[in-house]
């Protein structure tokens, strides 16, 4: 595992991060709704003009929740980017630990050598 400090993030990377995080959160909510529907909780899903309840709603929530939350995350990313950028600068960056793959160098990277 390698530790990195992220001091700045480009908008396309931030957009990907928002989309991935929103998708994962939507998948979690969809699975929770499905499990709740199996336990006879009051689960309802509105699909355009059709309203589903019960286990059918739980099954429908698994694909619908990630799609909706991903769309919300992508639409919210442009609004959240500047506050994220300012906060990242104010706290001096974020330490991230993980496995990293180096990208192929670009012409701008070669100029730095």
N, C-alpha and C. Protein backbone atom coordinates (compact mmCIF):
# COMPACT_ATOMS: atom_id res chain seq x y z
N UNK A 1 0.84 -1.19 0.00
CA UNK A 1 0.00 0.00 0.00
C UNK A 1 0.88 1.24 0.00
N UNK A 2 0.49 2.19 -0.81
CA UNK A 2 1.22 3.45 -0.94
C UNK A 2 0.36 4.58 -0.40
N UNK A 3 1.02 5.52 0.25
CA UNK A 3 0.30 6.67 0.80
C UNK A 3 0.60 7.90 -0.05
N UNK A 4 -0.45 8.59 -0.46
CA UNK A 4 -0.33 9.80 -1.26
C UNK A 4 -1.07 10.93 -0.57
N UNK A 5 -0.64 12.15 -0.84
CA UNK A 5 -1.38 13.32 -0.38
C UNK A 5 -1.94 14.03 -1.60
N UNK A 6 -3.25 14.12 -1.67
CA UNK A 6 -3.91 14.80 -2.79
C UNK A 6 -4.11 16.25 -2.37
N UNK A 7 -3.44 17.17 -3.09
CA UNK A 7 -3.56 18.58 -2.78
C UNK A 7 -4.46 19.31 -3.76
N UNK A 8 -4.69 18.72 -4.92
CA UNK A 8 -5.59 19.30 -5.92
C UNK A 8 -6.15 18.16 -6.76
N UNK A 9 -7.33 18.36 -7.28
CA UNK A 9 -7.99 17.34 -8.09
C UNK A 9 -8.64 18.03 -9.28
N UNK A 10 -8.39 17.52 -10.48
CA UNK A 10 -8.98 18.09 -11.68
C UNK A 10 -10.47 17.78 -11.71
N UNK A 11 -11.23 18.64 -12.40
CA UNK A 11 -12.68 18.45 -12.45
C UNK A 11 -13.10 17.10 -13.02
N UNK A 12 -12.50 16.61 -14.12
CA UNK A 12 -12.92 15.29 -14.61
C UNK A 12 -12.72 14.17 -13.58
N UNK A 13 -11.64 14.25 -12.82
CA UNK A 13 -11.41 13.25 -11.77
C UNK A 13 -12.44 13.39 -10.65
N UNK A 14 -12.76 14.64 -10.30
CA UNK A 14 -13.77 14.88 -9.28
C UNK A 14 -15.13 14.36 -9.73
N UNK A 15 -15.46 14.56 -11.00
CA UNK A 15 -16.72 14.08 -11.56
C UNK A 15 -16.80 12.56 -11.51
N UNK A 16 -15.71 11.88 -11.86
CA UNK A 16 -15.67 10.41 -11.78
C UNK A 16 -15.83 9.94 -10.35
N UNK A 17 -15.17 10.62 -9.43
CA UNK A 17 -15.27 10.26 -8.02
C UNK A 17 -16.69 10.44 -7.50
N UNK A 18 -17.35 11.54 -7.88
CA UNK A 18 -18.74 11.77 -7.48
C UNK A 18 -19.66 10.72 -8.06
N UNK A 19 -19.47 10.39 -9.34
CA UNK A 19 -20.33 9.39 -9.99
C UNK A 19 -20.15 8.02 -9.34
N UNK A 20 -18.92 7.63 -9.08
CA UNK A 20 -18.66 6.32 -8.48
C UNK A 20 -19.20 6.24 -7.06
N UNK A 21 -18.99 7.29 -6.28
CA UNK A 21 -19.49 7.31 -4.91
C UNK A 21 -21.02 7.30 -4.88
N UNK A 22 -21.64 8.06 -5.75
CA UNK A 22 -23.10 8.09 -5.82
C UNK A 22 -23.67 6.75 -6.25
N UNK A 23 -23.02 6.09 -7.21
CA UNK A 23 -23.46 4.77 -7.65
C UNK A 23 -23.39 3.77 -6.51
N UNK A 24 -22.26 3.78 -5.78
CA UNK A 24 -22.09 2.85 -4.66
C UNK A 24 -23.15 3.09 -3.58
N UNK A 25 -23.41 4.35 -3.30
CA UNK A 25 -24.43 4.68 -2.30
C UNK A 25 -25.81 4.24 -2.77
N UNK A 26 -26.11 4.44 -4.05
CA UNK A 26 -27.39 4.00 -4.61
C UNK A 26 -27.54 2.49 -4.56
N UNK A 27 -26.46 1.78 -4.86
CA UNK A 27 -26.50 0.31 -4.78
C UNK A 27 -26.76 -0.14 -3.35
N UNK A 28 -26.12 0.52 -2.40
CA UNK A 28 -26.35 0.20 -0.99
C UNK A 28 -27.82 0.43 -0.61
N UNK A 29 -28.37 1.59 -0.99
CA UNK A 29 -29.77 1.88 -0.68
C UNK A 29 -30.71 0.91 -1.37
N UNK A 30 -30.40 0.52 -2.60
CA UNK A 30 -31.23 -0.44 -3.32
C UNK A 30 -31.25 -1.80 -2.63
N UNK A 31 -30.11 -2.26 -2.19
CA UNK A 31 -30.03 -3.55 -1.49
C UNK A 31 -30.74 -3.46 -0.14
N UNK A 32 -30.58 -2.35 0.57
CA UNK A 32 -31.28 -2.17 1.85
C UNK A 32 -32.79 -2.16 1.63
N UNK A 33 -33.26 -1.50 0.57
CA UNK A 33 -34.70 -1.49 0.27
C UNK A 33 -35.19 -2.89 -0.06
N UNK A 34 -34.39 -3.65 -0.80
CA UNK A 34 -34.77 -5.03 -1.13
C UNK A 34 -34.87 -5.89 0.13
N UNK A 35 -33.87 -5.79 1.00
CA UNK A 35 -33.91 -6.56 2.25
C UNK A 35 -35.09 -6.13 3.11
N UNK A 36 -35.35 -4.83 3.17
CA UNK A 36 -36.49 -4.33 3.94
C UNK A 36 -37.80 -4.85 3.37
N UNK A 37 -37.88 -4.96 2.03
CA UNK A 37 -39.12 -5.47 1.43
C UNK A 37 -39.32 -6.95 1.76
N UNK A 38 -38.23 -7.68 1.89
CA UNK A 38 -38.34 -9.09 2.29
C UNK A 38 -38.81 -9.23 3.73
N UNK A 39 -38.52 -8.22 4.54
CA UNK A 39 -38.92 -8.24 5.96
C UNK A 39 -40.25 -7.54 6.18
N UNK A 40 -41.03 -7.38 5.13
CA UNK A 40 -42.37 -6.77 5.18
C UNK A 40 -42.39 -5.32 5.61
N UNK A 41 -41.32 -4.57 5.31
CA UNK A 41 -41.33 -3.14 5.58
C UNK A 41 -42.14 -2.45 4.47
N UNK A 42 -42.57 -1.25 4.72
CA UNK A 42 -43.36 -0.50 3.74
C UNK A 42 -42.41 0.14 2.73
N UNK A 43 -42.08 -0.59 1.67
CA UNK A 43 -41.18 -0.10 0.63
C UNK A 43 -42.01 0.27 -0.58
N UNK A 44 -41.79 1.50 -1.08
CA UNK A 44 -42.51 1.96 -2.27
C UNK A 44 -41.51 2.54 -3.26
N UNK A 45 -41.73 2.24 -4.53
CA UNK A 45 -40.89 2.79 -5.60
C UNK A 45 -41.83 3.37 -6.65
N UNK A 46 -41.58 4.61 -7.03
CA UNK A 46 -42.39 5.29 -8.05
C UNK A 46 -41.61 5.25 -9.36
N UNK A 47 -42.13 4.55 -10.36
CA UNK A 47 -41.53 4.48 -11.69
C UNK A 47 -42.44 5.21 -12.66
N UNK A 48 -42.12 6.46 -12.93
CA UNK A 48 -42.94 7.34 -13.77
C UNK A 48 -44.36 7.38 -13.23
N UNK A 49 -45.31 6.70 -13.85
CA UNK A 49 -46.69 6.74 -13.38
C UNK A 49 -47.08 5.49 -12.61
N UNK A 50 -46.18 4.52 -12.52
CA UNK A 50 -46.47 3.27 -11.84
C UNK A 50 -45.84 3.27 -10.46
N UNK A 51 -46.62 2.90 -9.46
CA UNK A 51 -46.08 2.79 -8.11
C UNK A 51 -46.03 1.32 -7.72
N UNK A 52 -44.85 0.88 -7.30
CA UNK A 52 -44.67 -0.50 -6.85
C UNK A 52 -44.54 -0.51 -5.34
N UNK A 53 -45.05 -1.57 -4.73
CA UNK A 53 -44.93 -1.74 -3.28
C UNK A 53 -44.50 -3.17 -2.98
N UNK A 54 -44.00 -3.36 -1.77
CA UNK A 54 -43.64 -4.71 -1.33
C UNK A 54 -42.37 -5.22 -1.99
N UNK A 55 -42.34 -6.54 -2.25
CA UNK A 55 -41.15 -7.18 -2.80
C UNK A 55 -40.86 -6.68 -4.21
N UNK A 56 -41.89 -6.39 -4.99
CA UNK A 56 -41.67 -5.85 -6.34
C UNK A 56 -40.92 -4.52 -6.26
N UNK A 57 -41.24 -3.70 -5.28
CA UNK A 57 -40.55 -2.43 -5.09
C UNK A 57 -39.10 -2.67 -4.67
N UNK A 58 -38.89 -3.65 -3.82
CA UNK A 58 -37.53 -3.98 -3.39
C UNK A 58 -36.67 -4.44 -4.55
N UNK A 59 -37.24 -5.26 -5.42
CA UNK A 59 -36.50 -5.72 -6.59
C UNK A 59 -36.22 -4.55 -7.53
N UNK A 60 -37.20 -3.70 -7.74
CA UNK A 60 -37.02 -2.54 -8.62
C UNK A 60 -36.02 -1.55 -8.06
N UNK A 61 -35.89 -1.46 -6.73
CA UNK A 61 -34.99 -0.50 -6.12
C UNK A 61 -33.53 -0.82 -6.38
N UNK A 62 -33.21 -2.10 -6.61
CA UNK A 62 -31.81 -2.47 -6.82
C UNK A 62 -31.22 -1.79 -8.06
N UNK A 63 -31.87 -1.78 -9.23
CA UNK A 63 -31.28 -1.03 -10.34
C UNK A 63 -31.66 0.46 -10.36
N UNK A 64 -32.82 0.82 -9.83
CA UNK A 64 -33.30 2.20 -9.93
C UNK A 64 -32.51 3.14 -9.01
N UNK A 65 -32.26 2.74 -7.79
CA UNK A 65 -31.57 3.61 -6.83
C UNK A 65 -30.16 3.99 -7.30
N UNK A 66 -29.34 3.05 -7.79
CA UNK A 66 -28.02 3.47 -8.28
C UNK A 66 -28.09 4.43 -9.48
N UNK A 67 -29.04 4.19 -10.38
CA UNK A 67 -29.17 5.07 -11.55
C UNK A 67 -29.54 6.49 -11.11
N UNK A 68 -30.54 6.59 -10.24
CA UNK A 68 -30.98 7.92 -9.80
C UNK A 68 -29.91 8.65 -9.00
N UNK A 69 -29.26 7.94 -8.09
CA UNK A 69 -28.23 8.59 -7.28
C UNK A 69 -27.01 8.95 -8.11
N UNK A 70 -26.66 8.16 -9.11
CA UNK A 70 -25.55 8.50 -9.99
C UNK A 70 -25.87 9.77 -10.78
N UNK A 71 -27.10 9.87 -11.29
CA UNK A 71 -27.50 11.09 -12.01
C UNK A 71 -27.42 12.29 -11.07
N UNK A 72 -27.88 12.14 -9.84
CA UNK A 72 -27.82 13.24 -8.89
C UNK A 72 -26.38 13.63 -8.60
N UNK A 73 -25.51 12.63 -8.40
CA UNK A 73 -24.10 12.91 -8.12
C UNK A 73 -23.41 13.65 -9.26
N UNK A 74 -23.71 13.25 -10.50
CA UNK A 74 -23.12 13.91 -11.67
C UNK A 74 -23.65 15.33 -11.81
N UNK A 75 -24.93 15.52 -11.54
CA UNK A 75 -25.50 16.88 -11.64
C UNK A 75 -25.05 17.78 -10.49
N UNK A 76 -24.77 17.21 -9.32
CA UNK A 76 -24.33 18.01 -8.18
C UNK A 76 -22.83 18.30 -8.22
N UNK A 77 -22.06 17.53 -8.99
CA UNK A 77 -20.61 17.70 -9.02
C UNK A 77 -20.16 19.09 -9.45
N UNK A 78 -20.73 19.70 -10.50
CA UNK A 78 -20.27 21.06 -10.86
C UNK A 78 -20.50 22.08 -9.75
N UNK A 79 -21.56 21.92 -9.00
CA UNK A 79 -21.85 22.85 -7.90
C UNK A 79 -20.91 22.61 -6.72
N UNK A 80 -20.55 21.36 -6.48
CA UNK A 80 -19.73 21.01 -5.33
C UNK A 80 -18.24 21.14 -5.59
N UNK A 81 -17.83 21.30 -6.86
CA UNK A 81 -16.40 21.28 -7.17
C UNK A 81 -15.63 22.43 -6.53
N UNK A 82 -16.10 23.66 -6.67
CA UNK A 82 -15.36 24.78 -6.10
C UNK A 82 -15.28 24.72 -4.58
N UNK A 83 -16.38 24.44 -3.85
CA UNK A 83 -16.23 24.29 -2.39
C UNK A 83 -15.27 23.16 -2.02
N UNK A 84 -15.29 22.06 -2.77
CA UNK A 84 -14.36 20.95 -2.52
C UNK A 84 -12.92 21.42 -2.72
N UNK A 85 -12.70 22.15 -3.80
CA UNK A 85 -11.36 22.64 -4.12
C UNK A 85 -10.85 23.59 -3.04
N UNK A 86 -11.71 24.51 -2.60
CA UNK A 86 -11.32 25.45 -1.54
C UNK A 86 -11.05 24.74 -0.21
N UNK A 87 -11.90 23.78 0.12
CA UNK A 87 -11.72 23.03 1.36
C UNK A 87 -10.44 22.19 1.31
N UNK A 88 -10.16 21.58 0.18
CA UNK A 88 -8.95 20.79 0.03
C UNK A 88 -7.72 21.66 0.22
N UNK A 89 -7.76 22.86 -0.33
CA UNK A 89 -6.64 23.80 -0.16
C UNK A 89 -6.54 24.25 1.30
N UNK A 90 -7.69 24.49 1.95
CA UNK A 90 -7.68 24.99 3.33
C UNK A 90 -7.12 23.97 4.32
N UNK A 91 -7.38 22.70 4.09
CA UNK A 91 -6.90 21.68 5.03
C UNK A 91 -5.55 21.11 4.63
N UNK A 92 -4.99 21.58 3.52
CA UNK A 92 -3.67 21.15 3.11
C UNK A 92 -3.62 19.82 2.39
N UNK A 93 -4.73 19.34 1.91
CA UNK A 93 -4.76 18.09 1.17
C UNK A 93 -5.34 16.94 1.98
N UNK A 94 -5.52 15.82 1.30
CA UNK A 94 -6.06 14.61 1.92
C UNK A 94 -5.05 13.49 1.74
N UNK A 95 -4.71 12.81 2.82
CA UNK A 95 -3.85 11.62 2.74
C UNK A 95 -4.71 10.43 2.32
N UNK A 96 -4.28 9.74 1.26
CA UNK A 96 -5.00 8.59 0.73
C UNK A 96 -4.04 7.42 0.67
N UNK A 97 -4.50 6.26 1.14
CA UNK A 97 -3.68 5.06 1.11
C UNK A 97 -4.34 4.04 0.20
N UNK A 98 -3.55 3.42 -0.67
CA UNK A 98 -4.10 2.42 -1.57
C UNK A 98 -3.05 1.90 -2.52
N UNK A 99 -3.50 1.10 -3.48
CA UNK A 99 -2.63 0.58 -4.53
C UNK A 99 -2.82 1.46 -5.75
N UNK A 100 -1.74 1.94 -6.34
CA UNK A 100 -1.81 2.90 -7.42
C UNK A 100 -1.11 2.35 -8.65
N UNK A 101 -1.64 2.69 -9.80
CA UNK A 101 -1.03 2.35 -11.08
C UNK A 101 -0.63 3.66 -11.74
N UNK A 102 0.61 3.76 -12.13
CA UNK A 102 1.08 5.00 -12.77
C UNK A 102 0.53 5.10 -14.17
N UNK A 103 0.10 6.29 -14.52
CA UNK A 103 -0.39 6.54 -15.88
C UNK A 103 0.79 6.74 -16.80
N UNK A 104 0.58 6.52 -18.08
CA UNK A 104 1.65 6.76 -19.06
C UNK A 104 1.98 8.24 -19.06
N UNK A 105 3.26 8.59 -19.13
CA UNK A 105 3.62 10.01 -19.09
C UNK A 105 3.10 10.74 -20.33
N UNK A 106 2.68 11.95 -20.12
CA UNK A 106 2.23 12.80 -21.22
C UNK A 106 3.36 13.74 -21.60
N UNK A 107 3.18 14.50 -22.64
CA UNK A 107 4.25 15.41 -23.09
C UNK A 107 4.56 16.46 -22.02
N UNK A 108 3.56 16.85 -21.23
CA UNK A 108 3.81 17.80 -20.15
C UNK A 108 4.63 17.20 -19.03
N UNK A 109 4.46 15.90 -18.78
CA UNK A 109 5.24 15.23 -17.75
C UNK A 109 6.71 15.11 -18.16
N UNK A 110 6.97 14.90 -19.44
CA UNK A 110 8.34 14.77 -19.90
C UNK A 110 9.09 16.09 -19.75
N UNK A 111 8.38 17.19 -19.85
CA UNK A 111 9.03 18.50 -19.72
C UNK A 111 9.49 18.74 -18.28
N UNK A 112 8.87 18.06 -17.32
CA UNK A 112 9.23 18.24 -15.93
C UNK A 112 10.50 17.50 -15.55
N UNK A 113 10.92 16.54 -16.39
CA UNK A 113 12.13 15.74 -16.07
C UNK A 113 13.40 16.47 -16.40
